[in-house]
Amino acid sequence: MSILSTKTLRRITQRALFALPRPVRVRIDRWLRGQKEFRKLQNADYVVVSLPKSGRTWLRVMLSRYFQQKYQLPENLVLGFSNFRKQDKRVPRILFTHDHVIRYYTGNLDSKKDFYNKKVILLVRDPRDVVVSMYHQWSHRADPQKRALYSELSPDNSVNLFEFAINEHHGIPRNIRFLNSWHNDLGKFDHILVVHYEDLRRSPPETMKQILEFMDEPVSDAEIQDIVSYADFSNMKKREQNQDFKTSSKRLFSQNTDARKTLKTRRGKVGGFIDYMTPEQIVAINHQISLELSPYFGYNNSPENPVDGEPKG
């Protein structure tokens, strides 16, 4: 079955699900998606796990550049699970996942045992910055049909940022659950690398070198500089606006490149959530994080020295 017909079939299935109660249709859709991801997981050489909007698109583009240069692959390709490998079998199969649909398929809701025997890169980001970026994604880029399927929030974009941020299914509580669940199982992995998005933003060369070494990919300083320059924030935005990746990835393709809010590569800061909330809202969210989030990840204190202009993913 072709990629196009698979996507068409899924869209038809999603429409059919709207006749069912929301909890039932969400379970069915997650199970179907989880089945597909689980098959990929079994064959993956490496797995990149993150919450949505944690920088994985940026990381994907940098890894794309590395393998493009190493194996002379087309520059407009964005790394997927098997598209690079079809061009050259030396490229590893890398699964990028948010983890939730796999566990709904396997039933392993309270552990990460589905990933224990895999080499995992866990990409984490401050849950307060994540929720701001997720809100913009939900408001301006999300497929209305998918939004209606998964969200109990108003489909007309009338929900404000703070309402979204405190929502149990979309906001800070969800982000805390994700981070805590991975922290609880870290000791059960033989091969796992925890990467902070903030480190990747502040020190891209050093952090990318660490990632590639974990993947057994020797890389020179010159190659690292090329990777980082290629995926620089301003270059990412230009490529999205020019639709350079339109034929190979919808992740970096906006239907309306004149509307800044619809771009995947959006304005951002490390610690930038403070620009979107009132002092009282920030106090409330910080209090929840200090009480509920594991201190392992280092997000229990307010960030300092916000950094402008990072790609979201």
C-alpha atoms as a PDB file:
ATOM      1  CA  MET A   1       0.000   0.000   0.000  1.00  0.00           C
ATOM      2  CA  SER A   2       1.364   3.419  -0.949  1.00  0.00           C
ATOM      3  CA  ILE A   3       2.053   6.201   1.558  1.00  0.00           C
ATOM      4  CA  LEU A   4      -0.753   8.250   0.014  1.00  0.00           C
ATOM      5  CA  SER A   5      -3.345   5.482   0.262  1.00  0.00           C
ATOM      6  CA  THR A   6      -2.303   4.708   3.841  1.00  0.00           C
ATOM      7  CA  LYS A   7      -2.829   8.337   4.865  1.00  0.00           C
ATOM      8  CA  THR A   8      -6.136   8.462   2.992  1.00  0.00           C
ATOM      9  CA  LEU A   9      -7.317   5.313   4.744  1.00  0.00           C
ATOM     10  CA  ARG A  10      -6.408   6.730   8.130  1.00  0.00           C
ATOM     11  CA  ARG A  11      -8.290   9.959   7.410  1.00  0.00           C
ATOM     12  CA  ILE A  12     -11.375   7.961   6.400  1.00  0.00           C
ATOM     13  CA  THR A  13     -11.045   5.908   9.579  1.00  0.00           C
ATOM     14  CA  GLN A  14     -10.770   9.061  11.701  1.00  0.00           C
ATOM     15  CA  ARG A  15     -13.942  10.454  10.162  1.00  0.00           C
ATOM     16  CA  ALA A  16     -15.777   7.217  10.837  1.00  0.00           C
ATOM     17  CA  LEU A  17     -14.675   7.334  14.485  1.00  0.00           C
ATOM     18  CA  PHE A  18     -16.618  10.541  15.120  1.00  0.00           C
ATOM     19  CA  ALA A  19     -19.800   8.472  15.412  1.00  0.00           C
ATOM     20  CA  LEU A  20     -18.352   6.986  18.627  1.00  0.00           C
ATOM     21  CA  PRO A  21     -17.982   8.559  22.091  1.00  0.00           C
ATOM     22  CA  ARG A  22     -14.748  10.567  22.360  1.00  0.00           C
ATOM     23  CA  PRO A  23     -12.907   8.226  24.790  1.00  0.00           C
ATOM     24  CA  VAL A  24     -13.643   5.254  22.530  1.00  0.00           C
ATOM     25  CA  ARG A  25     -12.554   6.952  19.312  1.00  0.00           C
ATOM     26  CA  VAL A  26      -9.340   8.184  20.931  1.00  0.00           C
ATOM     27  CA  ARG A  27      -8.493   4.662  22.123  1.00  0.00           C
ATOM     28  CA  ILE A  28      -9.119   3.157  18.693  1.00  0.00           C
ATOM     29  CA  ASP A  29      -7.072   5.792  16.862  1.00  0.00           C
ATOM     30  CA  ARG A  30      -4.177   5.474  19.318  1.00  0.00           C
ATOM     31  CA  TRP A  31      -4.237   1.687  19.018  1.00  0.00           C
ATOM     32  CA  LEU A  32      -4.070   1.846  15.218  1.00  0.00           C
ATOM     33  CA  ARG A  33      -1.230   4.361  15.287  1.00  0.00           C
ATOM     34  CA  GLY A  34       0.532   2.418  18.026  1.00  0.00           C
ATOM     35  CA  GLN A  35       0.428  -0.770  16.004  1.00  0.00           C
ATOM     36  CA  LYS A  36       2.225   0.977  13.142  1.00  0.00           C
ATOM     37  CA  GLU A  37       4.846   2.574  15.424  1.00  0.00           C
ATOM     38  CA  PHE A  38       5.449  -0.652  17.335  1.00  0.00           C
ATOM     39  CA  ARG A  39       6.384  -2.444  14.102  1.00  0.00           C
ATOM     40  CA  LYS A  40       8.935   0.287  13.428  1.00  0.00           C
ATOM     41  CA  LEU A  41      10.213   0.083  16.997  1.00  0.00           C
ATOM     42  CA  GLN A  42      11.046  -3.594  16.570  1.00  0.00           C
ATOM     43  CA  ASN A  43      13.315  -2.782  13.626  1.00  0.00           C
ATOM     44  CA  ALA A  44      14.789   0.495  14.889  1.00  0.00           C
ATOM     45  CA  ASP A  45      18.528   0.856  15.475  1.00  0.00           C
ATOM     46  CA  TYR A  46      17.990   3.997  17.563  1.00  0.00           C
ATOM     47  CA  VAL A  47      14.943   5.654  19.089  1.00  0.00           C
ATOM     48  CA  VAL A  48      14.503   9.368  19.782  1.00  0.00           C
ATOM     49  CA  VAL A  49      11.780   9.897  22.389  1.00  0.00           C
ATOM     50  CA  SER A  50      10.372  13.277  23.372  1.00  0.00           C
ATOM     51  CA  LEU A  51       7.260  15.205  24.179  1.00  0.00           C
ATOM     52  CA  PRO A  52       5.864  17.132  21.213  1.00  0.00           C
ATOM     53  CA  LYS A  53       7.490  20.558  20.760  1.00  0.00           C
ATOM     54  CA  SER A  54      10.731  19.564  22.452  1.00  0.00           C
ATOM     55  CA  GLY A  55      13.074  20.267  19.542  1.00  0.00           C
ATOM     56  CA  ARG A  56      13.016  16.923  17.784  1.00  0.00           C
ATOM     57  CA  THR A  57      12.412  18.484  14.351  1.00  0.00           C
ATOM     58  CA  TRP A  58      15.547  20.562  14.831  1.00  0.00           C
ATOM     59  CA  LEU A  59      17.448  17.449  15.889  1.00  0.00           C
ATOM     60  CA  ARG A  60      16.010  15.553  12.924  1.00  0.00           C
ATOM     61  CA  VAL A  61      17.265  18.209  10.501  1.00  0.00           C
ATOM     62  CA  MET A  62      20.764  18.136  12.023  1.00  0.00           C
ATOM     63  CA  LEU A  63      20.893  14.342  11.785  1.00  0.00           C
ATOM     64  CA  SER A  64      19.588  14.621   8.220  1.00  0.00           C
ATOM     65  CA  ARG A  65      22.472  16.916   7.337  1.00  0.00           C
ATOM     66  CA  TYR A  66      25.006  14.556   8.894  1.00  0.00           C
ATOM     67  CA  PHE A  67      23.847  11.551   6.861  1.00  0.00           C
ATOM     68  CA  GLN A  68      23.351  13.653   3.716  1.00  0.00           C
ATOM     69  CA  GLN A  69      26.978  14.694   3.808  1.00  0.00           C
ATOM     70  CA  LYS A  70      28.347  11.341   4.891  1.00  0.00           C
ATOM     71  CA  TYR A  71      26.610   9.336   2.170  1.00  0.00           C
ATOM     72  CA  GLN A  72      26.053  12.024  -0.508  1.00  0.00           C
ATOM     73  CA  LEU A  73      22.258  11.998  -0.221  1.00  0.00           C
ATOM     74  CA  PRO A  74      19.864  14.638  -1.624  1.00  0.00           C
ATOM     75  CA  GLU A  75      19.902  17.818   0.425  1.00  0.00           C
ATOM     76  CA  ASN A  76      16.124  18.326   0.354  1.00  0.00           C
ATOM     77  CA  LEU A  77      15.442  15.022   2.133  1.00  0.00           C
ATOM     78  CA  VAL A  78      14.432  15.015   5.796  1.00  0.00           C
ATOM     79  CA  LEU A  79      15.330  11.932   7.789  1.00  0.00           C
ATOM     80  CA  GLY A  80      12.428   9.541   8.277  1.00  0.00           C
ATOM     81  CA  PHE A  81      12.403   5.998   9.582  1.00  0.00           C
ATOM     82  CA  SER A  82      13.552   4.313   6.379  1.00  0.00           C
ATOM     83  CA  ASN A  83      13.779   6.866   3.550  1.00  0.00           C
ATOM     84  CA  PHE A  84      17.520   7.488   4.007  1.00  0.00           C
ATOM     85  CA  ARG A  85      18.179   3.775   4.427  1.00  0.00           C
ATOM     86  CA  LYS A  86      16.503   3.093   1.078  1.00  0.00           C
ATOM     87  CA  GLN A  87      19.081   5.442  -0.445  1.00  0.00           C
ATOM     88  CA  ASP A  88      22.009   3.862   1.418  1.00  0.00           C
ATOM     89  CA  LYS A  89      21.792   0.789   3.664  1.00  0.00           C
ATOM     90  CA  ARG A  90      24.553   2.103   5.925  1.00  0.00           C
ATOM     91  CA  VAL A  91      22.174   4.688   7.388  1.00  0.00           C
ATOM     92  CA  PRO A  92      20.647   3.422  10.666  1.00  0.00           C
ATOM     93  CA  ARG A  93      16.886   3.214  11.132  1.00  0.00           C
ATOM     94  CA  ILE A  94      15.915   5.938  13.609  1.00  0.00           C
ATOM     95  CA  LEU A  95      12.436   6.050  15.085  1.00  0.00           C
ATOM     96  CA  PHE A  96      11.247   9.452  16.326  1.00  0.00           C
ATOM     97  CA  THR A  97       8.353   8.932  18.720  1.00  0.00           C
ATOM     98  CA  HIS A  98       6.394  10.610  21.484  1.00  0.00           C
ATOM     99  CA  ASP A  99       5.966   7.139  23.061  1.00  0.00           C
ATOM    100  CA  HIS A 100       2.272   7.433  23.983  1.00  0.00           C
ATOM    101  CA  VAL A 101       0.682   5.548  21.080  1.00  0.00           C
ATOM    102  CA  ILE A 102       3.082   2.603  21.460  1.00  0.00           C
ATOM    103  CA  ARG A 103       2.142   2.061  25.087  1.00  0.00           C
ATOM    104  CA  TYR A 104      -1.564   2.245  24.259  1.00  0.00           C
ATOM    105  CA  TYR A 105      -1.008  -0.509  21.704  1.00  0.00           C
ATOM    106  CA  THR A 106       1.109  -2.783  23.916  1.00  0.00           C
ATOM    107  CA  GLY A 107      -0.724  -2.035  27.159  1.00  0.00           C
ATOM    108  CA  ASN A 108       2.518  -1.152  28.995  1.00  0.00           C
ATOM    109  CA  LEU A 109       1.061   2.059  30.377  1.00  0.00           C
ATOM    110  CA  ASP A 110       3.092   2.164  33.589  1.00  0.00           C
ATOM    111  CA  SER A 111       6.570   1.250  32.339  1.00  0.00           C
ATOM    112  CA  LYS A 112       8.954   1.797  29.436  1.00  0.00           C
ATOM    113  CA  LYS A 113       9.625  -1.894  28.906  1.00  0.00           C
ATOM    114  CA  ASP A 114       8.800  -1.559  25.202  1.00  0.00           C
ATOM    115  CA  PHE A 115      12.058   0.409  24.878  1.00  0.00           C
ATOM    116  CA  TYR A 116      14.339  -1.466  27.302  1.00  0.00           C
ATOM    117  CA  ASN A 117      16.320  -3.334  24.636  1.00  0.00           C
ATOM    118  CA  LYS A 118      16.709  -0.295  22.378  1.00  0.00           C
ATOM    119  CA  LYS A 119      19.325   2.455  22.194  1.00  0.00           C
ATOM    120  CA  VAL A 120      17.312   5.467  23.259  1.00  0.00           C
ATOM    121  CA  ILE A 121      17.944   9.203  23.050  1.00  0.00           C
ATOM    122  CA  LEU A 122      15.540  10.870  25.481  1.00  0.00           C
ATOM    123  CA  LEU A 123      15.139  14.515  24.452  1.00  0.00           C
ATOM    124  CA  VAL A 124      13.697  16.590  27.294  1.00  0.00           C
ATOM    125  CA  ARG A 125      12.698  20.215  27.570  1.00  0.00           C
ATOM    126  CA  ASP A 126      11.355  22.549  30.248  1.00  0.00           C
ATOM    127  CA  PRO A 127       7.652  21.600  30.481  1.00  0.00           C
ATOM    128  CA  ARG A 128       6.687  25.290  30.725  1.00  0.00           C
ATOM    129  CA  ASP A 129       8.307  26.108  27.386  1.00  0.00           C
ATOM    130  CA  VAL A 130       6.855  22.926  25.901  1.00  0.00           C
ATOM    131  CA  VAL A 131       3.309  23.920  26.814  1.00  0.00           C
ATOM    132  CA  VAL A 132       3.652  27.375  25.221  1.00  0.00           C
ATOM    133  CA  SER A 133       4.886  25.859  21.975  1.00  0.00           C
ATOM    134  CA  MET A 134       2.209  23.154  22.096  1.00  0.00           C
ATOM    135  CA  TYR A 135      -0.447  25.824  22.515  1.00  0.00           C
ATOM    136  CA  HIS A 136       0.720  27.625  19.372  1.00  0.00           C
ATOM    137  CA  GLN A 137       0.826  24.315  17.495  1.00  0.00           C
ATOM    138  CA  TRP A 138      -2.677  23.445  18.673  1.00  0.00           C
ATOM    139  CA  SER A 139      -4.024  26.911  17.829  1.00  0.00           C
ATOM    140  CA  HIS A 140      -2.379  27.551  14.454  1.00  0.00           C
ATOM    141  CA  ARG A 141      -1.015  24.357  12.872  1.00  0.00           C
ATOM    142  CA  ALA A 142      -2.971  21.366  14.130  1.00  0.00           C
ATOM    143  CA  ASP A 143      -5.250  19.573  11.681  1.00  0.00           C
ATOM    144  CA  PRO A 144      -8.795  20.599  12.749  1.00  0.00           C
ATOM    145  CA  GLN A 145      -9.964  17.002  12.367  1.00  0.00           C
ATOM    146  CA  LYS A 146      -7.168  15.684  14.567  1.00  0.00           C
ATOM    147  CA  ARG A 147      -7.799  18.461  17.093  1.00  0.00           C
ATOM    148  CA  ALA A 148     -11.470  17.565  17.246  1.00  0.00           C
ATOM    149  CA  LEU A 149     -10.637  13.877  17.627  1.00  0.00           C
ATOM    150  CA  TYR A 150      -8.176  14.233  20.497  1.00  0.00           C
ATOM    151  CA  SER A 151      -9.162  17.386  22.335  1.00  0.00           C
ATOM    152  CA  GLU A 152     -12.068  18.025  24.664  1.00  0.00           C
ATOM    153  CA  LEU A 153     -11.165  21.719  24.478  1.00  0.00           C
ATOM    154  CA  SER A 154     -13.141  24.144  22.363  1.00  0.00           C
ATOM    155  CA  PRO A 155     -12.390  23.504  18.646  1.00  0.00           C
ATOM    156  CA  ASP A 156     -12.814  27.197  17.777  1.00  0.00           C
ATOM    157  CA  ASN A 157      -9.448  28.264  19.306  1.00  0.00           C
ATOM    158  CA  SER A 158     -11.204  30.230  22.072  1.00  0.00           C
ATOM    159  CA  VAL A 159      -9.132  28.593  24.825  1.00  0.00           C
ATOM    160  CA  ASN A 160      -6.434  30.885  26.193  1.00  0.00           C
ATOM    161  CA  LEU A 161      -2.863  29.853  26.924  1.00  0.00           C
ATOM    162  CA  PHE A 162      -3.246  29.452  30.678  1.00  0.00           C
ATOM    163  CA  GLU A 163      -6.385  27.328  30.307  1.00  0.00           C
ATOM    164  CA  PHE A 164      -4.434  25.133  27.911  1.00  0.00           C
ATOM    165  CA  ALA A 165      -1.403  25.066  30.232  1.00  0.00           C
ATOM    166  CA  ILE A 166      -3.328  23.739  33.232  1.00  0.00           C
ATOM    167  CA  ASN A 167      -5.405  21.257  31.248  1.00  0.00           C
ATOM    168  CA  GLU A 168      -4.872  17.703  32.493  1.00  0.00           C
ATOM    169  CA  HIS A 169      -4.627  16.199  28.993  1.00  0.00           C
ATOM    170  CA  HIS A 170      -2.668  18.881  27.113  1.00  0.00           C
ATOM    171  CA  GLY A 171      -0.754  21.004  29.560  1.00  0.00           C
ATOM    172  CA  ILE A 172       1.742  20.977  32.388  1.00  0.00           C
ATOM    173  CA  PRO A 173       0.225  17.928  34.142  1.00  0.00           C
ATOM    174  CA  ARG A 174       0.741  15.845  31.003  1.00  0.00           C
ATOM    175  CA  ASN A 175       4.326  17.072  30.618  1.00  0.00           C
ATOM    176  CA  ILE A 176       5.094  16.249  34.254  1.00  0.00           C
ATOM    177  CA  ARG A 177       3.702  12.725  33.876  1.00  0.00           C
ATOM    178  CA  PHE A 178       5.870  12.120  30.816  1.00  0.00           C
ATOM    179  CA  LEU A 179       9.107  13.236  32.480  1.00  0.00           C
ATOM    180  CA  ASN A 180       8.410  11.408  35.739  1.00  0.00           C
ATOM    181  CA  SER A 181       7.528   8.168  33.972  1.00  0.00           C
ATOM    182  CA  TRP A 182      10.848   8.164  32.106  1.00  0.00           C
ATOM    183  CA  HIS A 183      12.813   9.092  35.206  1.00  0.00           C
ATOM    184  CA  ASN A 184      11.290   6.149  37.061  1.00  0.00           C
ATOM    185  CA  ASP A 185      12.643   3.680  34.480  1.00  0.00           C
ATOM    186  CA  LEU A 186      16.017   5.203  33.564  1.00  0.00           C
ATOM    187  CA  GLY A 187      17.923   2.645  35.643  1.00  0.00           C
ATOM    188  CA  LYS A 188      16.436  -0.216  33.610  1.00  0.00           C
ATOM    189  CA  PHE A 189      18.137   0.815  30.357  1.00  0.00           C
ATOM    190  CA  ASP A 190      21.565  -0.349  29.226  1.00  0.00           C
ATOM    191  CA  HIS A 191      21.753   2.240  26.459  1.00  0.00           C
ATOM    192  CA  ILE A 192      20.050   5.581  27.036  1.00  0.00           C
ATOM    193  CA  LEU A 193      21.245   9.151  26.571  1.00  0.00           C
ATOM    194  CA  VAL A 194      19.298  11.984  28.190  1.00  0.00           C
ATOM    195  CA  VAL A 195      19.655  15.177  26.151  1.00  0.00           C
ATOM    196  CA  HIS A 196      18.382  18.505  27.442  1.00  0.00           C
ATOM    197  CA  TYR A 197      17.030  20.730  24.723  1.00  0.00           C
ATOM    198  CA  GLU A 198      18.478  23.672  26.615  1.00  0.00           C
ATOM    199  CA  ASP A 199      21.986  22.181  26.228  1.00  0.00           C
ATOM    200  CA  LEU A 200      21.359  21.613  22.542  1.00  0.00           C
ATOM    201  CA  ARG A 201      20.272  25.235  22.201  1.00  0.00           C
ATOM    202  CA  ARG A 202      23.129  26.764  24.198  1.00  0.00           C
ATOM    203  CA  SER A 203      25.922  24.454  22.989  1.00  0.00           C
ATOM    204  CA  PRO A 204      24.844  22.844  19.698  1.00  0.00           C
ATOM    205  CA  PRO A 205      28.302  21.568  18.612  1.00  0.00           C
ATOM    206  CA  GLU A 206      29.140  19.866  21.910  1.00  0.00           C
ATOM    207  CA  THR A 207      25.679  18.370  22.348  1.00  0.00           C
ATOM    208  CA  MET A 208      25.433  17.113  18.760  1.00  0.00           C
ATOM    209  CA  LYS A 209      28.850  15.504  19.070  1.00  0.00           C
ATOM    210  CA  GLN A 210      27.655  13.713  22.195  1.00  0.00           C
ATOM    211  CA  ILE A 211      24.560  12.459  20.361  1.00  0.00           C
ATOM    212  CA  LEU A 212      26.506  11.217  17.340  1.00  0.00           C
ATOM    213  CA  GLU A 213      29.098   9.492  19.523  1.00  0.00           C
ATOM    214  CA  PHE A 214      26.243   7.714  21.321  1.00  0.00           C
ATOM    215  CA  MET A 215      25.105   6.550  17.875  1.00  0.00           C
ATOM    216  CA  ASP A 216      28.621   5.260  17.096  1.00  0.00           C
ATOM    217  CA  GLU A 217      29.017   7.896  14.400  1.00  0.00           C
ATOM    218  CA  PRO A 218      32.539   9.403  14.430  1.00  0.00           C
ATOM    219  CA  VAL A 219      32.357  13.055  13.502  1.00  0.00           C
ATOM    220  CA  SER A 220      34.956  15.783  13.010  1.00  0.00           C
ATOM    221  CA  ASP A 221      34.742  19.327  14.324  1.00  0.00           C
ATOM    222  CA  ALA A 222      34.318  20.589  10.763  1.00  0.00           C
ATOM    223  CA  GLU A 223      31.374  18.235  10.191  1.00  0.00           C
ATOM    224  CA  ILE A 224      29.764  19.369  13.425  1.00  0.00           C
ATOM    225  CA  GLN A 225      30.084  23.012  12.432  1.00  0.00           C
ATOM    226  CA  ASP A 226      28.503  22.254   9.054  1.00  0.00           C
ATOM    227  CA  ILE A 227      25.590  20.461  10.737  1.00  0.00           C
ATOM    228  CA  VAL A 228      24.952  23.295  13.179  1.00  0.00           C
ATOM    229  CA  SER A 229      25.193  25.981  10.493  1.00  0.00           C
ATOM    230  CA  TYR A 230      22.836  24.085   8.194  1.00  0.00           C
ATOM    231  CA  ALA A 231      20.196  23.819  10.934  1.00  0.00           C
ATOM    232  CA  ASP A 232      20.666  27.343  12.304  1.00  0.00           C
ATOM    233  CA  PHE A 233      17.386  28.941  13.313  1.00  0.00           C
ATOM    234  CA  SER A 234      17.403  31.533  10.553  1.00  0.00           C
ATOM    235  CA  ASN A 235      18.296  28.915   7.928  1.00  0.00           C
ATOM    236  CA  MET A 236      15.533  26.594   9.153  1.00  0.00           C
ATOM    237  CA  LYS A 237      12.977  29.379   8.865  1.00  0.00           C
ATOM    238  CA  LYS A 238      14.124  30.296   5.345  1.00  0.00           C
ATOM    239  CA  ARG A 239      13.917  26.674   4.220  1.00  0.00           C
ATOM    240  CA  GLU A 240      10.420  26.341   5.609  1.00  0.00           C
ATOM    241  CA  GLN A 241       9.264  29.577   3.974  1.00  0.00           C
ATOM    242  CA  ASN A 242      10.882  28.507   0.696  1.00  0.00           C
ATOM    243  CA  GLN A 243       9.211  25.088   1.069  1.00  0.00           C
ATOM    244  CA  ASP A 244      12.564  23.356   0.519  1.00  0.00           C
ATOM    245  CA  PHE A 245      11.352  20.226   2.328  1.00  0.00           C
ATOM    246  CA  LYS A 246       7.814  20.206   0.910  1.00  0.00           C
ATOM    247  CA  THR A 247       8.239  16.990  -1.075  1.00  0.00           C
ATOM    248  CA  SER A 248       9.870  14.980   1.716  1.00  0.00           C
ATOM    249  CA  SER A 249       8.358  16.174   4.993  1.00  0.00           C
ATOM    250  CA  LYS A 250       5.209  17.913   6.163  1.00  0.00           C
ATOM    251  CA  ARG A 251       6.975  18.594   9.465  1.00  0.00           C
ATOM    252  CA  LEU A 252       8.727  21.572   7.892  1.00  0.00           C
ATOM    253  CA  PHE A 253       6.006  22.667   5.508  1.00  0.00           C
ATOM    254  CA  SER A 254       3.391  25.305   6.217  1.00  0.00           C
ATOM    255  CA  GLN A 255       0.441  25.855   3.918  1.00  0.00           C
ATOM    256  CA  ASN A 256       0.654  29.583   4.671  1.00  0.00           C
ATOM    257  CA  THR A 257       4.278  30.666   4.728  1.00  0.00           C
ATOM    258  CA  ASP A 258       3.281  34.342   4.980  1.00  0.00           C
ATOM    259  CA  ALA A 259       1.667  33.776   8.376  1.00  0.00           C
ATOM    260  CA  ARG A 260       4.394  33.651  10.998  1.00  0.00           C
ATOM    261  CA  LYS A 261       2.225  31.808  13.510  1.00  0.00           C
ATOM    262  CA  THR A 262       1.779  28.841  11.184  1.00  0.00           C
ATOM    263  CA  LEU A 263       5.494  28.211  10.735  1.00  0.00           C
ATOM    264  CA  LYS A 264       6.984  25.161  12.407  1.00  0.00           C
ATOM    265  CA  THR A 265      10.153  27.158  13.075  1.00  0.00           C
ATOM    266  CA  ARG A 266       8.656  29.711  15.402  1.00  0.00           C
ATOM    267  CA  ARG A 267       9.975  32.510  17.621  1.00  0.00           C
ATOM    268  CA  GLY A 268      11.146  31.074  20.922  1.00  0.00           C
ATOM    269  CA  LYS A 269      13.324  31.241  23.997  1.00  0.00           C
ATOM    270  CA  VAL A 270      14.764  28.915  26.553  1.00  0.00           C
ATOM    271  CA  GLY A 271      12.659  30.127  29.470  1.00  0.00           C
ATOM    272  CA  GLY A 272      10.459  32.095  27.079  1.00  0.00           C
ATOM    273  CA  PHE A 273       7.244  31.025  28.794  1.00  0.00           C
ATOM    274  CA  ILE A 274       7.648  34.051  31.071  1.00  0.00           C
ATOM    275  CA  ASP A 275       6.731  36.288  28.113  1.00  0.00           C
ATOM    276  CA  TYR A 276       3.312  34.658  27.725  1.00  0.00           C
ATOM    277  CA  MET A 277       1.976  34.420  31.279  1.00  0.00           C
ATOM    278  CA  THR A 278       1.181  36.771  34.116  1.00  0.00           C
ATOM    279  CA  PRO A 279       3.324  36.682  37.280  1.00  0.00           C
ATOM    280  CA  GLU A 280       0.445  34.996  39.118  1.00  0.00           C
ATOM    281  CA  GLN A 281       0.121  32.291  36.461  1.00  0.00           C
ATOM    282  CA  ILE A 282       3.869  31.668  36.528  1.00  0.00           C
ATOM    283  CA  VAL A 283       3.802  31.301  40.312  1.00  0.00           C
ATOM    284  CA  ALA A 284       0.966  28.756  40.069  1.00  0.00           C
ATOM    285  CA  ILE A 285       2.733  26.664  37.426  1.00  0.00           C
ATOM    286  CA  ASN A 286       6.103  26.845  39.172  1.00  0.00           C
ATOM    287  CA  HIS A 287       4.444  25.680  42.378  1.00  0.00           C
ATOM    288  CA  GLN A 288       2.937  22.661  40.630  1.00  0.00           C
ATOM    289  CA  ILE A 289       6.276  21.754  39.071  1.00  0.00           C
ATOM    290  CA  SER A 290       8.141  22.109  42.360  1.00  0.00           C
ATOM    291  CA  LEU A 291       5.672  19.757  44.045  1.00  0.00           C
ATOM    292  CA  GLU A 292       5.181  17.135  41.331  1.00  0.00           C
ATOM    293  CA  LEU A 293       8.111  17.034  38.904  1.00  0.00           C
ATOM    294  CA  SER A 294      11.190  14.953  39.631  1.00  0.00           C
ATOM    295  CA  PRO A 295      14.149  17.266  40.319  1.00  0.00           C
ATOM    296  CA  TYR A 296      16.350  14.938  38.230  1.00  0.00           C
ATOM    297  CA  PHE A 297      15.794  16.976  35.070  1.00  0.00           C
ATOM    298  CA  GLY A 298      16.614  20.320  36.681  1.00  0.00           C
ATOM    299  CA  TYR A 299      13.396  22.136  35.787  1.00  0.00           C
ATOM    300  CA  ASN A 300      12.190  22.842  39.315  1.00  0.00           C
ATOM    301  CA  ASN A 301      13.741  26.308  39.424  1.00  0.00           C
ATOM    302  CA  SER A 302      12.841  29.282  37.254  1.00  0.00           C
ATOM    303  CA  PRO A 303      15.144  29.571  34.203  1.00  0.00           C
ATOM    304  CA  GLU A 304      17.711  32.302  33.891  1.00  0.00           C
ATOM    305  CA  ASN A 305      19.187  34.021  30.841  1.00  0.00           C
ATOM    306  CA  PRO A 306      16.503  33.177  28.262  1.00  0.00           C
ATOM    307  CA  VAL A 307      17.913  32.410  24.813  1.00  0.00           C
ATOM    308  CA  ASP A 308      16.115  33.780  21.753  1.00  0.00           C
ATOM    309  CA  GLY A 309      15.324  32.099  18.502  1.00  0.00           C
ATOM    310  CA  GLU A 310      15.333  28.326  18.595  1.00  0.00           C
ATOM    311  CA  PRO A 311      13.538  25.957  16.257  1.00  0.00           C
ATOM    312  CA  LYS A 312      10.598  24.125  17.735  1.00  0.00           C
ATOM    313  CA  GLY A 313       9.850  20.512  17.122  1.00  0.00           C
END
